[in-house]
C-alpha atoms as a PDB file:
ATOM      1  CA  MET A   1      26.816  -0.705  18.161  1.00  0.00           C
ATOM      2  CA  LYS A   2      25.069  -3.642  19.064  1.00  0.00           C
ATOM      3  CA  HIS A   3      21.547  -3.220  20.120  1.00  0.00           C
ATOM      4  CA  ARG A   4      19.888  -3.981  23.175  1.00  0.00           C
ATOM      5  CA  ALA A   5      17.539  -6.868  23.473  1.00  0.00           C
ATOM      6  CA  ILE A   6      15.758  -6.636  26.315  1.00  0.00           C
ATOM      7  CA  LEU A   7      12.248  -8.850  27.212  1.00  0.00           C
ATOM      8  CA  CYS A   8       9.496  -8.141  29.192  1.00  0.00           C
ATOM      9  CA  VAL A   9       7.661 -10.915  31.211  1.00  0.00           C
ATOM     10  CA  GLN A  10       4.361 -10.136  32.245  1.00  0.00           C
ATOM     11  CA  LEU A  11       2.572 -12.978  34.172  1.00  0.00           C
ATOM     12  CA  GLU A  12      -1.396 -12.104  33.895  1.00  0.00           C
ATOM     13  CA  HIS A  13      -3.885 -12.277  36.299  1.00  0.00           C
ATOM     14  CA  PHE A  14      -0.760 -12.955  38.743  1.00  0.00           C
ATOM     15  CA  CYS A  15      -2.735 -12.277  42.246  1.00  0.00           C
ATOM     16  CA  ALA A  16      -5.775 -14.369  41.109  1.00  0.00           C
ATOM     17  CA  ARG A  17      -3.970 -17.055  39.542  1.00  0.00           C
ATOM     18  CA  GLY A  18      -1.521 -17.025  42.456  1.00  0.00           C
ATOM     19  CA  ALA A  19      -4.320 -17.445  45.239  1.00  0.00           C
ATOM     20  CA  ALA A  20      -5.965 -20.207  43.315  1.00  0.00           C
ATOM     21  CA  LEU A  21      -3.031 -22.163  42.869  1.00  0.00           C
ATOM     22  CA  ARG A  22      -2.351 -21.887  46.988  1.00  0.00           C
ATOM     23  CA  ALA A  23      -5.993 -22.612  47.308  1.00  0.00           C
ATOM     24  CA  GLY A  24      -5.996 -25.677  45.622  1.00  0.00           C
ATOM     25  CA  GLU A  25      -8.935 -27.595  45.642  1.00  0.00           C
ATOM     26  CA  ALA A  26     -10.792 -24.868  47.546  1.00  0.00           C
ATOM     27  CA  LEU A  27     -10.713 -22.779  44.327  1.00  0.00           C
ATOM     28  CA  ALA A  28     -11.031 -25.829  41.927  1.00  0.00           C
ATOM     29  CA  GLY A  29     -13.012 -24.845  39.056  1.00  0.00           C
ATOM     30  CA  ARG A  30     -14.208 -21.327  40.619  1.00  0.00           C
ATOM     31  CA  GLN A  31     -12.762 -17.964  39.445  1.00  0.00           C
ATOM     32  CA  ALA A  32     -11.118 -15.376  41.616  1.00  0.00           C
ATOM     33  CA  ALA A  33     -11.119 -12.370  42.855  1.00  0.00           C
ATOM     34  CA  VAL A  34      -8.488 -10.458  44.628  1.00  0.00           C
ATOM     35  CA  THR A  35      -9.291  -7.878  46.970  1.00  0.00           C
ATOM     36  CA  ARG A  36      -7.736  -5.401  49.500  1.00  0.00           C
ATOM     37  CA  GLY A  37      -9.942  -2.924  51.560  1.00  0.00           C
ATOM     38  CA  GLY A  38     -12.912  -3.758  50.101  1.00  0.00           C
ATOM     39  CA  ARG A  39     -10.858  -2.788  46.565  1.00  0.00           C
ATOM     40  CA  VAL A  40     -10.765  -5.534  43.495  1.00  0.00           C
ATOM     41  CA  LEU A  41      -6.867  -5.713  43.033  1.00  0.00           C
ATOM     42  CA  ASP A  42      -7.084  -8.397  40.700  1.00  0.00           C
ATOM     43  CA  SER A  43      -9.346 -10.914  38.825  1.00  0.00           C
ATOM     44  CA  SER A  44      -9.645 -14.095  36.852  1.00  0.00           C
ATOM     45  CA  PRO A  45     -10.461 -13.458  33.083  1.00  0.00           C
ATOM     46  CA  GLU A  46     -14.343 -14.622  33.312  1.00  0.00           C
ATOM     47  CA  ALA A  47     -16.678 -13.796  36.130  1.00  0.00           C
ATOM     48  CA  ALA A  48     -15.485 -13.779  39.715  1.00  0.00           C
ATOM     49  CA  VAL A  49     -17.232 -15.714  41.876  1.00  0.00           C
ATOM     50  CA  ALA A  50     -14.767 -16.260  44.784  1.00  0.00           C
ATOM     51  CA  PHE A  51     -13.331 -13.045  46.661  1.00  0.00           C
ATOM     52  CA  VAL A  52     -10.088 -13.813  48.937  1.00  0.00           C
ATOM     53  CA  PRO A  53      -7.751 -11.150  50.343  1.00  0.00           C
ATOM     54  CA  ALA A  54      -4.213 -10.312  49.270  1.00  0.00           C
ATOM     55  CA  ALA A  55      -1.753 -12.114  50.382  1.00  0.00           C
ATOM     56  CA  ASP A  56       1.545  -9.716  49.945  1.00  0.00           C
ATOM     57  CA  GLU A  57       3.959 -12.318  51.421  1.00  0.00           C
ATOM     58  CA  ASP A  58       3.110 -14.806  49.519  1.00  0.00           C
ATOM     59  CA  TYR A  59       3.579 -12.740  45.695  1.00  0.00           C
ATOM     60  CA  PRO A  60       7.458 -13.189  45.943  1.00  0.00           C
ATOM     61  CA  ASP A  61       7.205 -17.017  46.092  1.00  0.00           C
ATOM     62  CA  ASP A  62       4.756 -17.196  43.353  1.00  0.00           C
ATOM     63  CA  ALA A  63       7.025 -15.154  41.218  1.00  0.00           C
ATOM     64  CA  ARG A  64       9.910 -17.569  41.845  1.00  0.00           C
ATOM     65  CA  PRO A  65       9.578 -20.162  39.684  1.00  0.00           C
ATOM     66  CA  GLY A  66       9.517 -18.242  36.474  1.00  0.00           C
ATOM     67  CA  LEU A  67      11.979 -15.949  37.655  1.00  0.00           C
ATOM     68  CA  ASP A  68      14.428 -19.135  37.872  1.00  0.00           C
ATOM     69  CA  LEU A  69      13.194 -20.160  34.336  1.00  0.00           C
ATOM     70  CA  CYS A  70      14.209 -16.444  33.083  1.00  0.00           C
ATOM     71  CA  ALA A  71      17.676 -16.731  35.267  1.00  0.00           C
ATOM     72  CA  ALA A  72      18.222 -19.615  32.970  1.00  0.00           C
ATOM     73  CA  PHE A  73      18.785 -17.728  29.595  1.00  0.00           C
ATOM     74  CA  THR A  74      20.762 -14.698  31.460  1.00  0.00           C
ATOM     75  CA  PRO A  75      22.068 -13.186  34.848  1.00  0.00           C
ATOM     76  CA  LEU A  76      20.594 -10.051  34.013  1.00  0.00           C
ATOM     77  CA  VAL A  77      16.744 -10.878  35.163  1.00  0.00           C
ATOM     78  CA  GLU A  78      15.221  -7.785  37.391  1.00  0.00           C
ATOM     79  CA  PRO A  79      11.525  -8.422  38.616  1.00  0.00           C
ATOM     80  CA  GLU A  80      10.027  -4.602  38.556  1.00  0.00           C
ATOM     81  CA  THR A  81       7.052  -6.015  40.987  1.00  0.00           C
ATOM     82  CA  PRO A  82       6.552  -9.725  41.145  1.00  0.00           C
ATOM     83  CA  GLU A  83       4.506  -9.919  37.806  1.00  0.00           C
ATOM     84  CA  ARG A  84       6.217  -7.932  35.884  1.00  0.00           C
ATOM     85  CA  ILE A  85       9.702  -9.695  34.862  1.00  0.00           C
ATOM     86  CA  PHE A  86      12.927  -7.625  32.508  1.00  0.00           C
ATOM     87  CA  LEU A  87      15.642  -9.489  30.838  1.00  0.00           C
ATOM     88  CA  ASP A  88      18.251  -8.347  29.113  1.00  0.00           C
ATOM     89  CA  VAL A  89      19.329 -10.808  26.723  1.00  0.00           C
ATOM     90  CA  THR A  90      21.909  -8.847  24.593  1.00  0.00           C
ATOM     91  CA  GLY A  91      24.743 -11.257  23.382  1.00  0.00           C
ATOM     92  CA  CYS A  92      23.032 -14.382  24.056  1.00  0.00           C
ATOM     93  CA  GLU A  93      22.292 -15.551  20.401  1.00  0.00           C
ATOM     94  CA  ALA A  94      25.011 -17.797  20.165  1.00  0.00           C
ATOM     95  CA  LEU A  95      23.851 -20.030  23.201  1.00  0.00           C
ATOM     96  CA  GLN A  96      19.905 -19.042  23.397  1.00  0.00           C
ATOM     97  CA  GLY A  97      19.400 -18.008  19.897  1.00  0.00           C
ATOM     98  CA  PRO A  98      17.700 -14.853  18.912  1.00  0.00           C
ATOM     99  CA  ALA A  99      15.681 -12.989  21.409  1.00  0.00           C
ATOM    100  CA  MET A 100      11.905 -13.655  20.601  1.00  0.00           C
ATOM    101  CA  ALA A 101      13.010 -17.584  20.363  1.00  0.00           C
ATOM    102  CA  VAL A 102      13.858 -17.130  23.902  1.00  0.00           C
ATOM    103  CA  ALA A 103      10.167 -15.109  24.515  1.00  0.00           C
ATOM    104  CA  GLY A 104       8.914 -17.899  22.863  1.00  0.00           C
ATOM    105  CA  VAL A 105      10.185 -20.614  24.766  1.00  0.00           C
ATOM    106  CA  LEU A 106       9.658 -18.552  28.234  1.00  0.00           C
ATOM    107  CA  ALA A 107       5.841 -18.424  26.756  1.00  0.00           C
ATOM    108  CA  ARG A 108       5.550 -21.464  26.615  1.00  0.00           C
ATOM    109  CA  ARG A 109       7.856 -23.297  29.545  1.00  0.00           C
ATOM    110  CA  ILE A 110       6.308 -20.627  32.299  1.00  0.00           C
ATOM    111  CA  PRO A 111       2.606 -21.459  32.027  1.00  0.00           C
ATOM    112  CA  ALA A 112       3.632 -25.135  31.693  1.00  0.00           C
ATOM    113  CA  GLU A 113       6.245 -25.278  34.709  1.00  0.00           C
ATOM    114  CA  THR A 114       4.347 -22.899  36.637  1.00  0.00           C
ATOM    115  CA  GLY A 115       0.668 -22.813  36.291  1.00  0.00           C
ATOM    116  CA  PHE A 116       0.570 -19.040  35.589  1.00  0.00           C
ATOM    117  CA  ALA A 117      -0.116 -17.590  31.836  1.00  0.00           C
ATOM    118  CA  CYS A 118       2.253 -14.451  30.660  1.00  0.00           C
ATOM    119  CA  ALA A 119       2.428 -12.565  27.618  1.00  0.00           C
ATOM    120  CA  VAL A 120       6.277 -11.921  26.350  1.00  0.00           C
ATOM    121  CA  GLY A 121       7.533  -8.721  24.151  1.00  0.00           C
ATOM    122  CA  GLY A 122      10.671  -7.365  23.552  1.00  0.00           C
ATOM    123  CA  GLY A 123      12.857  -4.249  21.827  1.00  0.00           C
ATOM    124  CA  ARG A 124      15.874  -2.649  22.587  1.00  0.00           C
ATOM    125  CA  THR A 125      14.474  -0.579  25.649  1.00  0.00           C
ATOM    126  CA  ARG A 126      12.743  -1.574  28.614  1.00  0.00           C
ATOM    127  CA  LEU A 127       9.666   0.969  27.852  1.00  0.00           C
ATOM    128  CA  VAL A 128       9.234  -0.794  24.720  1.00  0.00           C
ATOM    129  CA  ALA A 129       9.261  -4.049  25.866  1.00  0.00           C
ATOM    130  CA  ALA A 130       7.180  -3.233  28.700  1.00  0.00           C
ATOM    131  CA  LEU A 131       4.571  -1.900  26.216  1.00  0.00           C
ATOM    132  CA  ALA A 132       5.331  -4.871  23.681  1.00  0.00           C
ATOM    133  CA  ALA A 133       4.652  -7.508  26.135  1.00  0.00           C
ATOM    134  CA  PRO A 134       0.409  -7.099  26.045  1.00  0.00           C
ATOM    135  CA  TRP A 135       0.851  -7.639  22.544  1.00  0.00           C
ATOM    136  CA  ARG A 136       3.351 -10.494  22.453  1.00  0.00           C
ATOM    137  CA  ARG A 137       5.404  -8.310  19.802  1.00  0.00           C
ATOM    138  CA  TRP A 138       9.009  -7.833  19.109  1.00  0.00           C
ATOM    139  CA  VAL A 139       9.824  -4.149  18.198  1.00  0.00           C
ATOM    140  CA  PRO A 140      12.879  -3.728  15.765  1.00  0.00           C
ATOM    141  CA  PRO A 141      15.824  -1.488  16.353  1.00  0.00           C
ATOM    142  CA  GLY A 142      14.306   1.672  14.795  1.00  0.00           C
ATOM    143  CA  GLU A 143      10.947   1.149  15.134  1.00  0.00           C
ATOM    144  CA  GLU A 144      10.402   1.985  18.550  1.00  0.00           C
ATOM    145  CA  ARG A 145       8.899   5.948  17.623  1.00  0.00           C
ATOM    146  CA  GLU A 146       6.907   4.268  15.512  1.00  0.00           C
ATOM    147  CA  PHE A 147       5.185   1.465  17.784  1.00  0.00           C
ATOM    148  CA  LEU A 148       4.906   4.147  21.068  1.00  0.00           C
ATOM    149  CA  ALA A 149       3.551   7.011  18.768  1.00  0.00           C
ATOM    150  CA  PRO A 150      -0.532   5.999  19.154  1.00  0.00           C
ATOM    151  CA  LEU A 151      -0.235   4.935  22.561  1.00  0.00           C
ATOM    152  CA  SER A 152      -1.452   6.790  25.450  1.00  0.00           C
ATOM    153  CA  LEU A 153       0.642   8.186  27.397  1.00  0.00           C
ATOM    154  CA  ARG A 154      -1.605   6.806  30.725  1.00  0.00           C
ATOM    155  CA  LEU A 155       0.412   3.896  29.805  1.00  0.00           C
ATOM    156  CA  LEU A 156       3.198   5.278  32.063  1.00  0.00           C
ATOM    157  CA  GLY A 157       0.980   5.356  34.967  1.00  0.00           C
ATOM    158  CA  GLU A 158       2.863   6.783  38.395  1.00  0.00           C
ATOM    159  CA  ARG A 159       6.209   7.056  36.258  1.00  0.00           C
ATOM    160  CA  LEU A 160       4.828  10.343  34.634  1.00  0.00           C
ATOM    161  CA  ASP A 161       5.080  13.427  37.208  1.00  0.00           C
ATOM    162  CA  VAL A 162       1.569  14.518  38.195  1.00  0.00           C
ATOM    163  CA  GLU A 163       2.578  18.142  38.033  1.00  0.00           C
ATOM    164  CA  MET A 164       3.624  17.210  34.017  1.00  0.00           C
ATOM    165  CA  ALA A 165       0.926  15.340  33.393  1.00  0.00           C
ATOM    166  CA  ARG A 166      -1.333  17.957  34.500  1.00  0.00           C
ATOM    167  CA  TRP A 167       0.031  20.615  31.952  1.00  0.00           C
ATOM    168  CA  LEU A 168       0.458  18.381  29.020  1.00  0.00           C
ATOM    169  CA  GLU A 169      -3.414  17.282  29.513  1.00  0.00           C
ATOM    170  CA  LEU A 170      -4.302  20.614  29.524  1.00  0.00           C
ATOM    171  CA  ARG A 171      -2.698  21.209  25.605  1.00  0.00           C
ATOM    172  CA  GLY A 172      -4.235  18.086  24.487  1.00  0.00           C
ATOM    173  CA  VAL A 173      -0.761  15.953  24.507  1.00  0.00           C
ATOM    174  CA  ALA A 174      -2.314  12.756  25.195  1.00  0.00           C
ATOM    175  CA  THR A 175      -0.234  10.388  23.314  1.00  0.00           C
ATOM    176  CA  PHE A 176       3.831   9.712  22.805  1.00  0.00           C
ATOM    177  CA  GLU A 177       3.563  11.000  19.527  1.00  0.00           C
ATOM    178  CA  ASP A 178       1.900  14.295  20.595  1.00  0.00           C
ATOM    179  CA  VAL A 179       4.684  14.332  22.777  1.00  0.00           C
ATOM    180  CA  ALA A 180       7.276  13.791  19.947  1.00  0.00           C
ATOM    181  CA  ARG A 181       5.673  16.852  17.947  1.00  0.00           C
ATOM    182  CA  LEU A 182       6.303  19.445  20.903  1.00  0.00           C
ATOM    183  CA  PRO A 183       8.734  22.085  19.641  1.00  0.00           C
ATOM    184  CA  ALA A 184      12.520  20.779  21.134  1.00  0.00           C
ATOM    185  CA  GLY A 185      13.477  21.587  24.718  1.00  0.00           C
ATOM    186  CA  VAL A 186      10.031  23.019  25.808  1.00  0.00           C
ATOM    187  CA  LEU A 187       9.787  19.833  28.396  1.00  0.00           C
ATOM    188  CA  ARG A 188      13.306  20.357  29.706  1.00  0.00           C
ATOM    189  CA  ARG A 189      13.098  23.809  30.171  1.00  0.00           C
ATOM    190  CA  ARG A 190       9.785  23.537  31.924  1.00  0.00           C
ATOM    191  CA  PHE A 191      10.425  20.317  33.920  1.00  0.00           C
ATOM    192  CA  GLY A 192      13.859  19.698  34.100  1.00  0.00           C
ATOM    193  CA  ALA A 193      15.899  16.016  33.705  1.00  0.00           C
ATOM    194  CA  GLU A 194      12.006  14.829  34.216  1.00  0.00           C
ATOM    195  CA  GLY A 195      10.752  16.756  31.069  1.00  0.00           C
ATOM    196  CA  GLU A 196      13.865  15.786  29.268  1.00  0.00           C
ATOM    197  CA  LYS A 197      13.456  12.157  29.830  1.00  0.00           C
ATOM    198  CA  LEU A 198       9.484  11.728  28.820  1.00  0.00           C
ATOM    199  CA  ALA A 199      10.957  13.777  25.344  1.00  0.00           C
ATOM    200  CA  ARG A 200      14.155  10.951  25.110  1.00  0.00           C
ATOM    201  CA  LEU A 201      11.093   8.270  25.624  1.00  0.00           C
ATOM    202  CA  ALA A 202       8.860   9.345  23.155  1.00  0.00           C
ATOM    203  CA  ALA A 203      11.593   9.431  20.459  1.00  0.00           C
ATOM    204  CA  GLY A 204      12.135   5.465  21.377  1.00  0.00           C
ATOM    205  CA  LEU A 205      15.700   6.150  23.651  1.00  0.00           C
ATOM    206  CA  ASP A 206      15.759   4.710  27.065  1.00  0.00           C
ATOM    207  CA  SER A 207      18.708   4.122  28.625  1.00  0.00           C
ATOM    208  CA  THR A 208      17.643   2.373  31.820  1.00  0.00           C
ATOM    209  CA  PRO A 209      19.334  -0.658  31.857  1.00  0.00           C
ATOM    210  CA  VAL A 210      18.019  -4.218  33.762  1.00  0.00           C
ATOM    211  CA  ARG A 211      20.308  -4.887  36.835  1.00  0.00           C
ATOM    212  CA  PRO A 212      20.723  -8.370  37.913  1.00  0.00           C
ATOM    213  CA  ALA A 213      18.239  -8.927  41.243  1.00  0.00           C
ATOM    214  CA  HIS A 214      17.487 -12.567  40.698  1.00  0.00           C
ATOM    215  CA  PRO A 215      18.217 -14.564  42.569  1.00  0.00           C
ATOM    216  CA  PRO A 216      17.989 -11.811  45.439  1.00  0.00           C
ATOM    217  CA  ARG A 217      20.814 -11.560  47.805  1.00  0.00           C
ATOM    218  CA  ALA A 218      20.142 -12.694  50.965  1.00  0.00           C
ATOM    219  CA  LEU A 219      21.597 -13.222  54.630  1.00  0.00           C
ATOM    220  CA  GLU A 220      21.822 -16.312  56.228  1.00  0.00           C
ATOM    221  CA  ALA A 221      22.140 -17.797  59.757  1.00  0.00           C
ATOM    222  CA  CYS A 222      21.313 -21.218  61.406  1.00  0.00           C
ATOM    223  CA  VAL A 223      21.948 -23.318  64.578  1.00  0.00           C
ATOM    224  CA  GLU A 224      21.942 -26.436  65.871  1.00  0.00           C
ATOM    225  CA  CYS A 225      19.987 -27.337  69.004  1.00  0.00           C
ATOM    226  CA  GLU A 226      21.914 -29.057  71.863  1.00  0.00           C
ATOM    227  CA  ALA A 227      18.372 -30.959  72.217  1.00  0.00           C
ATOM    228  CA  PRO A 228      15.328 -31.285  70.357  1.00  0.00           C
ATOM    229  CA  ALA A 229      13.042 -28.063  71.850  1.00  0.00           C
ATOM    230  CA  GLU A 230      10.419 -29.248  73.088  1.00  0.00           C
ATOM    231  CA  THR A 231       8.641 -26.041  74.003  1.00  0.00           C
ATOM    232  CA  GLU A 232       8.670 -22.475  72.458  1.00  0.00           C
ATOM    233  CA  GLN A 233      10.115 -21.287  75.700  1.00  0.00           C
ATOM    234  CA  GLU A 234      12.972 -23.845  74.284  1.00  0.00           C
ATOM    235  CA  MET A 235      13.039 -22.957  70.693  1.00  0.00           C
ATOM    236  CA  ALA A 236      12.837 -18.998  71.533  1.00  0.00           C
ATOM    237  CA  GLN A 237      16.945 -18.861  72.882  1.00  0.00           C
ATOM    238  CA  TYR A 238      17.525 -20.458  69.640  1.00  0.00           C
ATOM    239  CA  LEU A 239      15.334 -17.519  67.670  1.00  0.00           C
ATOM    240  CA  SER A 240      16.879 -15.013  69.899  1.00  0.00           C
ATOM    241  CA  HIS A 241      20.803 -16.318  68.421  1.00  0.00           C
ATOM    242  CA  LEU A 242      19.576 -16.147  65.190  1.00  0.00           C
ATOM    243  CA  ALA A 243      18.029 -13.101  65.116  1.00  0.00           C
ATOM    244  CA  CYS A 244      21.373 -11.535  66.738  1.00  0.00           C
ATOM    245  CA  GLU A 245      23.207 -12.811  63.939  1.00  0.00           C
ATOM    246  CA  VAL A 246      21.133 -11.644  61.664  1.00  0.00           C
ATOM    247  CA  ALA A 247      20.943  -8.372  62.929  1.00  0.00           C
ATOM    248  CA  ASP A 248      24.449  -7.816  63.478  1.00  0.00           C
ATOM    249  CA  ARG A 249      25.368  -8.679  59.862  1.00  0.00           C
ATOM    250  CA  LEU A 250      22.706  -6.211  58.390  1.00  0.00           C
ATOM    251  CA  ARG A 251      24.312  -3.582  61.105  1.00  0.00           C
ATOM    252  CA  GLU A 252      28.038  -4.074  59.536  1.00  0.00           C
ATOM    253  CA  THR A 253      26.795  -3.373  55.977  1.00  0.00           C
ATOM    254  CA  ARG A 254      24.052  -0.643  57.291  1.00  0.00           C
ATOM    255  CA  GLU A 255      21.674  -2.253  55.610  1.00  0.00           C
ATOM    256  CA  THR A 256      17.845  -3.524  56.355  1.00  0.00           C
ATOM    257  CA  ALA A 257      15.981  -6.431  55.114  1.00  0.00           C
ATOM    258  CA  ARG A 258      12.074  -6.788  54.144  1.00  0.00           C
ATOM    259  CA  ARG A 259      11.344 -10.470  53.892  1.00  0.00           C
ATOM    260  CA  PHE A 260      12.737 -13.320  56.539  1.00  0.00           C
ATOM    261  CA  ARG A 261      12.291 -17.376  56.077  1.00  0.00           C
ATOM    262  CA  LEU A 262      12.256 -19.492  58.763  1.00  0.00           C
ATOM    263  CA  ASP A 263      13.441 -23.438  57.987  1.00  0.00           C
ATOM    264  CA  LEU A 264      12.946 -25.928  60.959  1.00  0.00           C
ATOM    265  CA  PHE A 265      14.817 -29.205  60.761  1.00  0.00           C
ATOM    266  CA  PHE A 266      13.683 -32.672  62.380  1.00  0.00           C
ATOM    267  CA  ARG A 267      15.622 -35.731  63.212  1.00  0.00           C
ATOM    268  CA  ASP A 268      13.970 -37.639  60.748  1.00  0.00           C
ATOM    269  CA  GLY A 269      15.653 -35.228  57.989  1.00  0.00           C
ATOM    270  CA  ARG A 270      12.275 -33.231  57.094  1.00  0.00           C
ATOM    271  CA  ARG A 271      12.465 -29.378  56.401  1.00  0.00           C
ATOM    272  CA  GLU A 272       9.262 -27.249  57.307  1.00  0.00           C
ATOM    273  CA  ALA A 273      10.083 -23.850  56.112  1.00  0.00           C
ATOM    274  CA  VAL A 274       7.689 -20.531  56.201  1.00  0.00           C
ATOM    275  CA  ALA A 275       8.456 -16.876  55.282  1.00  0.00           C
ATOM    276  CA  LEU A 276       6.990 -13.372  56.150  1.00  0.00           C
ATOM    277  CA  ARG A 277       7.497  -9.938  53.792  1.00  0.00           C
ATOM    278  CA  LEU A 278       6.418  -7.440  56.282  1.00  0.00           C
ATOM    279  CA  SER A 279       5.181  -4.017  55.642  1.00  0.00           C
ATOM    280  CA  ALA A 280       8.447  -2.060  56.182  1.00  0.00           C
ATOM    281  CA  PRO A 281      11.894  -2.717  56.345  1.00  0.00           C
ATOM    282  CA  ILE A 282      13.614  -3.699  59.447  1.00  0.00           C
ATOM    283  CA  GLY A 283      17.143  -4.233  61.452  1.00  0.00           C
ATOM    284  CA  ALA A 284      17.023  -3.973  64.720  1.00  0.00           C
ATOM    285  CA  ARG A 285      17.369  -7.400  66.871  1.00  0.00           C
ATOM    286  CA  THR A 286      14.069  -7.225  68.648  1.00  0.00           C
ATOM    287  CA  ALA A 287      12.213  -6.650  65.483  1.00  0.00           C
ATOM    288  CA  ILE A 288      13.948  -9.487  63.693  1.00  0.00           C
ATOM    289  CA  TYR A 289      13.262 -11.866  66.610  1.00  0.00           C
ATOM    290  CA  ASP A 290       9.523 -10.980  66.837  1.00  0.00           C
ATOM    291  CA  ALA A 291       9.283 -11.765  63.053  1.00  0.00           C
ATOM    292  CA  LEU A 292      11.010 -14.853  63.900  1.00  0.00           C
ATOM    293  CA  LEU A 293       8.671 -15.657  66.705  1.00  0.00           C
ATOM    294  CA  ARG A 294       5.749 -15.329  64.429  1.00  0.00           C
ATOM    295  CA  LEU A 295       7.341 -17.760  61.757  1.00  0.00           C
ATOM    296  CA  PHE A 296       7.423 -20.338  64.192  1.00  0.00           C
ATOM    297  CA  ARG A 297       4.067 -19.699  65.713  1.00  0.00           C
ATOM    298  CA  LYS A 298       2.820 -20.290  62.270  1.00  0.00           C
ATOM    299  CA  LEU A 299       4.913 -23.374  61.475  1.00  0.00           C
ATOM    300  CA  ALA A 300       3.714 -24.920  64.536  1.00  0.00           C
ATOM    301  CA  PRO A 301       5.343 -27.819  64.471  1.00  0.00           C
ATOM    302  CA  ALA A 302       4.131 -31.233  65.498  1.00  0.00           C
ATOM    303  CA  GLU A 303       7.359 -32.505  66.465  1.00  0.00           C
ATOM    304  CA  PRO A 304      10.223 -30.524  68.380  1.00  0.00           C
ATOM    305  CA  PRO A 305      12.940 -29.621  65.548  1.00  0.00           C
ATOM    306  CA  CYS A 306      16.769 -30.109  66.296  1.00  0.00           C
ATOM    307  CA  GLY A 307      17.486 -26.781  64.734  1.00  0.00           C
ATOM    308  CA  ALA A 308      17.086 -24.028  62.702  1.00  0.00           C
ATOM    309  CA  ALA A 309      17.779 -21.443  59.781  1.00  0.00           C
ATOM    310  CA  ALA A 310      17.307 -17.629  59.146  1.00  0.00           C
ATOM    311  CA  ALA A 311      17.218 -15.727  56.367  1.00  0.00           C
ATOM    312  CA  ALA A 312      16.736 -11.972  55.552  1.00  0.00           C
ATOM    313  CA  GLU A 313      15.636 -11.222  52.202  1.00  0.00           C
ATOM    314  CA  GLU A 314      14.796  -8.190  49.977  1.00  0.00           C
ATOM    315  CA  ILE A 315      17.885  -6.297  51.503  1.00  0.00           C
ATOM    316  CA  ALA A 316      18.362  -2.504  51.088  1.00  0.00           C
ATOM    317  CA  PRO A 317      20.598   0.227  52.259  1.00  0.00           C
ATOM    318  CA  ARG A 318      19.428   1.410  55.853  1.00  0.00           C
ATOM    319  CA  GLU A 319      17.729   5.008  55.320  1.00  0.00           C
ATOM    320  CA  PRO A 320      20.079   7.496  56.848  1.00  0.00           C
ATOM    321  CA  PHE A 321      18.663   9.784  59.796  1.00  0.00           C
END
């Protein structure tokens, strides 16, 4: 049976580097720290001297060039977060070469073509690939348990159940090796499926697949203005038309969207675009119209547009009542 080959690309200092790239000359030669609510989320490797607020709505756009590069090697590309990307390159050797050759290409091209430094690691499971990435290491099949053994369970973060983490800590179980040495079945009997999952992870077993999630699915609608919209009031009718079309299509599939993009078109062939990521997904016409109006005001076009297009992204099933 062929072993899976999974890579994890970790974009380093993603928030801080993204802020610096967007700011351009404003942060030229300076180090940046990204903050939210007075707390530092990310910073440049050196001492931070420029503090900038977090810009959640910009992070998907910041990550997209790196995702596009990954998608050139395999259709199985899944961004777990904007800064962590998984690829399944199983079976791609004939076209792309061995998995670590792909890792080497990505490690060179992503910084050169996107401006983001990155670390790439891999193995036959998602967990091993993620934990190998900071060391830029490939873990050969069969060596997963040995690789994981000395690593702290804290690296699992929120993926480790709080009650189970407390139970393990009270018993001095701090590493994957400690988990592997527990009596067979003890975690399953105590914590059910979550306990059994941790035991399998400690043994180097993880069947979680890489799901194709890039490029992301989007719903799009467009409208041509009868005459260039000179005022916001004139543009409002076209934004309302776009909002209704997008909302109707989301309703048909019982879905919502969290990210919206507005494109404006002009008589000279120019195109201006802006995107917005909301704090929660929406699907109602009025809410989508409000989002598009915010985007129009953010663009504040100097000339009247002659057409517009709207896109709903980060689409997910509507939560049941």
